[in-house]
Amino acid sequence: MNTRFWEAVRHLANEKIKKQYMKKTGHDRKCPNCNTWISEVGGAASVDYADEDWLEFMKCRQCGYKSLWDLRGMIPDLYKHQNPHTPKVKK
């Protein structure tokens, strides 16, 4: 079948999933390593609290990178002290 058709189906599915995710949580996060949104199919593998109760680890399902997020604001923000990572260009 036509590749563009399946790309359009995937895009539509991701948009619907993102809309439902945003309605539920009110925010979305992006992996700083591979730029995959947590709401996308295959986004976050896990989200766990760190030693401090205002910090949270998010492990990306695409690249495996564990990013650290600051929860003190209204919207989670990428914490300034991250583990080293190699940026990966998303296709």
Protein backbone atom coordinates (compact mmCIF):
# COMPACT_ATOMS: atom_id res chain seq x y z
CA MET A 1 0.00 0.00 0.00
CA ASN A 2 0.90 3.62 -0.26
CA THR A 3 3.40 4.80 2.38
CA ARG A 4 1.79 8.24 2.57
CA PHE A 5 -1.51 6.66 3.55
CA TRP A 6 0.03 4.90 6.57
CA GLU A 7 1.95 8.03 7.55
CA ALA A 8 -1.34 9.95 7.51
CA VAL A 9 -3.01 7.26 9.65
CA ARG A 10 -0.15 7.38 12.17
CA HIS A 11 -0.28 11.19 12.26
CA LEU A 12 -4.05 11.14 12.87
CA ALA A 13 -3.66 8.50 15.62
CA ASN A 14 -0.90 10.52 17.35
CA GLU A 15 -3.04 13.68 17.21
CA LYS A 16 -6.02 11.91 18.80
CA ILE A 17 -3.84 10.30 21.49
CA LYS A 18 -2.17 13.66 22.23
CA LYS A 19 -5.56 15.37 22.55
CA GLN A 20 -6.76 12.73 25.04
CA TYR A 21 -3.46 12.87 26.96
CA MET A 22 -3.59 16.69 27.17
CA LYS A 23 -7.20 16.57 28.37
CA LYS A 24 -6.18 14.13 31.11
CA THR A 25 -2.89 15.70 32.28
CA GLY A 26 -2.89 19.30 31.00
CA HIS A 27 0.71 19.10 29.73
CA ASP A 28 3.03 17.11 27.50
CA ARG A 29 6.79 16.52 27.72
CA LYS A 30 9.46 15.85 25.11
CA CYS A 31 12.53 13.67 25.52
CA PRO A 32 15.56 15.99 25.36
CA ASN A 33 17.59 13.26 23.65
CA CYS A 34 15.39 12.17 20.71
CA ASN A 35 12.52 14.73 20.77
CA THR A 36 9.77 12.10 21.19
CA TRP A 37 6.68 13.44 22.94
CA ILE A 38 5.50 11.43 25.96
CA SER A 39 1.98 11.36 24.52
CA GLU A 40 3.14 9.79 21.23
CA VAL A 41 2.77 6.09 20.67
CA GLY A 42 6.00 4.70 22.08
CA GLY A 43 6.67 7.81 24.23
CA ALA A 44 7.66 7.32 27.87
CA ALA A 45 8.46 3.84 29.12
CA SER A 46 8.25 4.89 32.78
CA VAL A 47 7.90 7.90 35.03
CA ASP A 48 9.31 7.57 38.56
CA TYR A 49 10.00 9.94 41.45
CA ALA A 50 13.63 10.78 42.22
CA ASP A 51 15.14 11.19 45.71
CA GLU A 52 13.53 14.61 46.05
CA ASP A 53 9.72 14.52 45.91
CA TRP A 54 9.68 17.47 43.47
CA LEU A 55 11.89 15.70 40.91
CA GLU A 56 10.76 13.00 38.50
CA PHE A 57 12.64 10.70 36.12
CA MET A 58 11.09 10.02 32.71
CA LYS A 59 12.56 7.13 30.72
CA CYS A 60 12.03 7.40 26.97
CA ARG A 61 10.78 4.29 25.21
CA GLN A 62 12.46 5.30 21.92
CA CYS A 63 16.06 5.96 23.03
CA GLY A 64 16.16 4.78 26.68
CA TYR A 65 17.37 8.15 28.02
CA LYS A 66 16.27 9.03 31.59
CA SER A 67 15.54 12.76 31.78
CA LEU A 68 15.02 14.60 35.07
CA TRP A 69 11.99 16.89 35.49
CA ASP A 70 11.27 19.62 38.05
CA LEU A 71 7.65 19.44 39.31
CA ARG A 72 7.62 22.60 41.45
CA GLY A 73 5.88 24.74 38.82
CA MET A 74 2.45 24.40 37.26
CA ILE A 75 3.95 22.48 34.35
CA PRO A 76 6.87 20.02 34.65
CA ASP A 77 10.09 21.64 33.47
CA LEU A 78 13.30 19.97 32.35
CA TYR A 79 15.67 20.11 35.34
CA LYS A 80 18.86 22.08 34.73
CA HIS A 81 21.18 19.25 35.89
CA GLN A 82 20.75 16.39 33.40
CA ASN A 83 22.77 13.26 32.86
CA PRO A 84 25.00 13.51 29.78
CA HIS A 85 23.34 12.35 26.60
CA THR A 86 23.98 12.24 22.88
CA PRO A 87 21.36 14.18 20.94
CA LYS A 88 19.67 12.00 18.35
CA VAL A 89 17.98 13.43 15.27
CA LYS A 90 14.41 12.21 14.92
CA LYS A 91 13.51 11.09 11.40
